[in-house]
N, C-alpha and C. Protein backbone atom coordinates (compact mmCIF):
# COMPACT_ATOMS: atom_id res chain seq x y z
N GLU A 1 168.99 94.08 -0.51
CA GLU A 1 167.92 93.11 -0.58
C GLU A 1 166.54 93.83 -0.63
N GLN A 2 166.36 94.94 0.21
CA GLN A 2 165.10 95.62 0.18
C GLN A 2 164.93 96.30 -1.20
N LEU A 3 165.96 96.84 -1.71
CA LEU A 3 165.82 97.51 -3.07
C LEU A 3 165.46 96.50 -4.17
N MET A 4 165.96 95.25 -4.06
CA MET A 4 165.59 94.23 -5.05
C MET A 4 164.14 93.91 -5.01
N PHE A 5 163.64 93.71 -3.79
CA PHE A 5 162.26 93.30 -3.57
C PHE A 5 161.30 94.45 -3.83
N ALA A 6 161.74 95.76 -3.53
CA ALA A 6 160.93 96.86 -3.84
C ALA A 6 160.83 97.01 -5.40
N GLY A 7 161.94 96.76 -6.08
CA GLY A 7 162.06 96.83 -7.48
C GLY A 7 161.08 95.89 -8.17
N LEU A 8 161.16 94.65 -7.64
CA LEU A 8 160.29 93.55 -8.17
C LEU A 8 158.80 93.88 -7.95
N THR A 9 158.50 94.53 -6.80
CA THR A 9 157.11 94.94 -6.58
C THR A 9 156.65 96.01 -7.57
N ARG A 10 157.56 97.01 -7.78
CA ARG A 10 157.27 98.08 -8.75
C ARG A 10 157.03 97.44 -10.15
N GLU A 11 157.95 96.53 -10.42
CA GLU A 11 157.78 95.87 -11.81
C GLU A 11 156.46 95.14 -11.99
N LEU A 12 156.04 94.44 -10.97
CA LEU A 12 154.72 93.72 -11.10
C LEU A 12 153.57 94.69 -11.13
N ILE A 13 153.70 95.80 -10.40
CA ILE A 13 152.61 96.85 -10.51
C ILE A 13 152.50 97.41 -11.88
N SER A 14 153.67 97.68 -12.40
CA SER A 14 153.74 98.23 -13.82
C SER A 14 153.24 97.21 -14.86
N ILE A 15 153.53 96.00 -14.71
CA ILE A 15 153.14 94.99 -15.60
C ILE A 15 151.62 94.82 -15.56
N TYR A 16 151.07 94.83 -14.33
CA TYR A 16 149.64 94.77 -14.14
C TYR A 16 148.94 95.97 -14.81
N GLU A 17 149.48 97.13 -14.50
CA GLU A 17 148.83 98.32 -15.07
C GLU A 17 148.84 98.31 -16.61
N ASP A 18 149.91 97.84 -17.18
CA ASP A 18 150.04 97.73 -18.63
C ASP A 18 148.92 96.86 -19.25
N SER A 19 148.49 95.86 -18.44
CA SER A 19 147.55 94.84 -18.92
C SER A 19 146.17 95.00 -18.35
N GLU A 20 145.97 96.02 -17.44
CA GLU A 20 144.80 96.12 -16.68
C GLU A 20 143.55 96.16 -17.50
N GLU A 21 143.51 96.93 -18.61
CA GLU A 21 142.34 96.97 -19.37
C GLU A 21 141.87 95.60 -19.96
N LEU A 22 142.90 94.80 -20.44
CA LEU A 22 142.61 93.40 -20.94
C LEU A 22 142.08 92.59 -19.75
N ILE A 23 142.71 92.74 -18.60
CA ILE A 23 142.32 91.93 -17.41
C ILE A 23 140.87 92.21 -17.02
N LYS A 24 140.54 93.50 -16.93
CA LYS A 24 139.18 93.89 -16.53
C LYS A 24 138.06 93.58 -17.55
N LEU A 25 138.44 93.49 -18.78
CA LEU A 25 137.56 93.04 -19.86
C LEU A 25 137.50 91.56 -20.04
N ASN A 26 138.20 90.85 -19.23
CA ASN A 26 138.36 89.38 -19.39
C ASN A 26 138.88 88.98 -20.73
N ALA A 27 139.73 89.83 -21.32
CA ALA A 27 140.27 89.55 -22.61
C ALA A 27 141.70 88.97 -22.47
N TYR A 28 142.23 89.11 -21.28
CA TYR A 28 143.65 88.54 -21.11
C TYR A 28 143.49 87.06 -21.04
N VAL A 29 144.43 86.29 -21.74
CA VAL A 29 144.38 84.89 -21.73
C VAL A 29 145.48 84.39 -20.80
N LYS A 30 145.07 83.80 -19.66
CA LYS A 30 146.00 83.23 -18.71
C LYS A 30 147.02 82.32 -19.45
N GLY A 31 148.26 82.49 -19.09
CA GLY A 31 149.39 81.70 -19.78
C GLY A 31 150.04 82.30 -20.89
N SER A 32 149.44 83.49 -21.44
CA SER A 32 150.07 84.11 -22.53
C SER A 32 151.27 84.93 -22.17
N ASP A 33 151.41 85.35 -20.95
CA ASP A 33 152.67 86.03 -20.46
C ASP A 33 152.82 85.69 -18.98
N PRO A 34 153.87 84.95 -18.73
CA PRO A 34 154.13 84.53 -17.27
C PRO A 34 154.21 85.68 -16.27
N LYS A 35 154.83 86.72 -16.68
CA LYS A 35 154.96 87.85 -15.79
C LYS A 35 153.59 88.51 -15.41
N THR A 36 152.71 88.61 -16.44
CA THR A 36 151.40 89.12 -16.23
C THR A 36 150.62 88.17 -15.39
N ASP A 37 150.78 86.93 -15.54
CA ASP A 37 150.09 85.91 -14.72
C ASP A 37 150.52 86.14 -13.22
N ILE A 38 151.82 86.35 -12.99
CA ILE A 38 152.24 86.54 -11.61
C ILE A 38 151.75 87.87 -11.10
N SER A 39 151.71 88.94 -11.92
CA SER A 39 151.20 90.21 -11.42
C SER A 39 149.73 90.15 -11.04
N ILE A 40 148.97 89.41 -11.79
CA ILE A 40 147.54 89.11 -11.44
C ILE A 40 147.48 88.36 -10.08
N GLU A 41 148.19 87.35 -10.01
CA GLU A 41 148.24 86.44 -8.79
C GLU A 41 148.60 87.22 -7.50
N LYS A 42 149.56 88.21 -7.70
CA LYS A 42 150.10 88.90 -6.52
C LYS A 42 149.47 90.26 -6.24
N LYS A 43 148.49 90.71 -7.12
CA LYS A 43 147.87 92.00 -7.02
C LYS A 43 147.33 92.29 -5.63
N ASN A 44 146.57 91.36 -5.08
CA ASN A 44 145.90 91.54 -3.83
C ASN A 44 146.86 91.68 -2.65
N ILE A 45 147.89 90.83 -2.66
CA ILE A 45 148.92 90.89 -1.55
C ILE A 45 149.78 92.21 -1.69
N ILE A 46 150.01 92.64 -2.85
CA ILE A 46 150.73 93.94 -3.07
C ILE A 46 149.88 95.08 -2.59
N ASP A 47 148.63 95.06 -2.97
CA ASP A 47 147.71 96.17 -2.55
C ASP A 47 147.62 96.17 -1.10
N GLU A 48 147.55 95.07 -0.38
CA GLU A 48 147.45 95.02 1.06
C GLU A 48 148.69 95.56 1.67
N PHE A 49 149.91 95.19 1.08
CA PHE A 49 151.18 95.73 1.61
C PHE A 49 151.20 97.22 1.48
N LEU A 50 150.70 97.87 0.41
CA LEU A 50 150.73 99.29 0.23
C LEU A 50 149.71 100.05 0.95
N LYS A 51 148.81 99.45 1.70
CA LYS A 51 147.71 100.10 2.35
C LYS A 51 148.06 100.53 3.76
N GLN A 52 149.26 100.50 4.18
CA GLN A 52 149.68 100.93 5.49
C GLN A 52 149.27 102.34 5.67
N LYS A 53 148.67 102.60 6.82
CA LYS A 53 148.18 104.03 7.15
C LYS A 53 149.39 104.85 7.65
N ILE A 54 149.29 106.07 7.51
CA ILE A 54 150.41 107.01 7.80
C ILE A 54 150.79 106.80 9.32
N GLU A 55 149.81 106.66 10.12
CA GLU A 55 150.13 106.50 11.60
C GLU A 55 150.64 105.14 11.99
N GLU A 56 150.52 104.19 11.05
CA GLU A 56 151.04 102.84 11.39
C GLU A 56 152.59 102.84 11.20
N ARG A 57 153.23 102.18 12.13
CA ARG A 57 154.69 102.13 12.02
C ARG A 57 155.12 100.66 11.70
N SER A 58 156.14 100.55 10.97
CA SER A 58 156.66 99.19 10.58
C SER A 58 158.19 99.30 10.60
N SER A 59 158.79 98.37 11.30
CA SER A 59 160.26 98.36 11.31
C SER A 59 160.81 97.97 9.99
N TYR A 60 162.07 98.21 9.78
CA TYR A 60 162.73 97.78 8.55
C TYR A 60 162.60 96.28 8.36
N THR A 61 162.84 95.56 9.43
CA THR A 61 162.80 94.11 9.40
C THR A 61 161.37 93.60 9.06
N ALA A 62 160.37 94.22 9.60
CA ALA A 62 158.98 93.77 9.28
C ALA A 62 158.63 94.14 7.81
N THR A 63 159.06 95.35 7.37
CA THR A 63 158.79 95.70 5.96
C THR A 63 159.49 94.73 5.00
N LEU A 64 160.78 94.47 5.29
CA LEU A 64 161.50 93.57 4.43
C LEU A 64 160.86 92.13 4.43
N SER A 65 160.37 91.66 5.60
CA SER A 65 159.77 90.38 5.64
C SER A 65 158.46 90.37 4.82
N SER A 66 157.71 91.50 4.89
CA SER A 66 156.45 91.57 4.15
C SER A 66 156.76 91.54 2.65
N LEU A 67 157.79 92.24 2.19
CA LEU A 67 158.13 92.26 0.83
C LEU A 67 158.59 90.84 0.33
N LYS A 68 159.42 90.15 1.19
CA LYS A 68 159.82 88.84 0.84
C LYS A 68 158.67 87.85 0.77
N ASN A 69 157.67 88.10 1.59
CA ASN A 69 156.47 87.27 1.60
C ASN A 69 155.68 87.29 0.30
N ILE A 70 155.66 88.51 -0.32
CA ILE A 70 155.01 88.65 -1.58
C ILE A 70 155.64 87.75 -2.66
N PHE A 71 156.92 87.51 -2.59
CA PHE A 71 157.66 86.72 -3.63
C PHE A 71 158.06 85.35 -3.19
N LYS A 72 157.62 84.86 -2.03
CA LYS A 72 158.12 83.62 -1.53
C LYS A 72 157.97 82.47 -2.51
N GLU A 73 157.02 82.53 -3.36
CA GLU A 73 156.85 81.36 -4.35
C GLU A 73 157.24 81.69 -5.79
N ASN A 74 157.39 82.91 -6.14
CA ASN A 74 157.66 83.26 -7.54
C ASN A 74 158.87 84.12 -7.86
N LYS A 75 159.82 84.32 -6.87
CA LYS A 75 160.86 85.19 -7.09
C LYS A 75 161.62 84.90 -8.38
N GLU A 76 162.00 83.69 -8.61
CA GLU A 76 162.76 83.32 -9.79
C GLU A 76 161.99 83.63 -11.03
N GLU A 77 160.68 83.37 -11.06
CA GLU A 77 159.88 83.57 -12.27
C GLU A 77 159.76 84.99 -12.63
N VAL A 78 159.88 85.94 -11.73
CA VAL A 78 159.72 87.41 -11.99
C VAL A 78 160.92 87.92 -12.82
N PHE A 79 162.13 87.36 -12.58
CA PHE A 79 163.27 87.88 -13.18
C PHE A 79 163.26 87.62 -14.69
């Protein structure tokens, strides 16, 4: 389960990075690609998840819960 959610997170990061120039130039048209739309919507929550400091500890359960939270509304749409 963790591998699936981690893979989905990596996929959204990659999709965002592929479209980042268009997004920053306001040239991306919302609705033209559903996965890109989701990557834009989830960017901030993914960035927050990845900002854990080295000295911060997180249990496996807490990490998995955080990953699941990223996709609680859109998991089916990402596939």
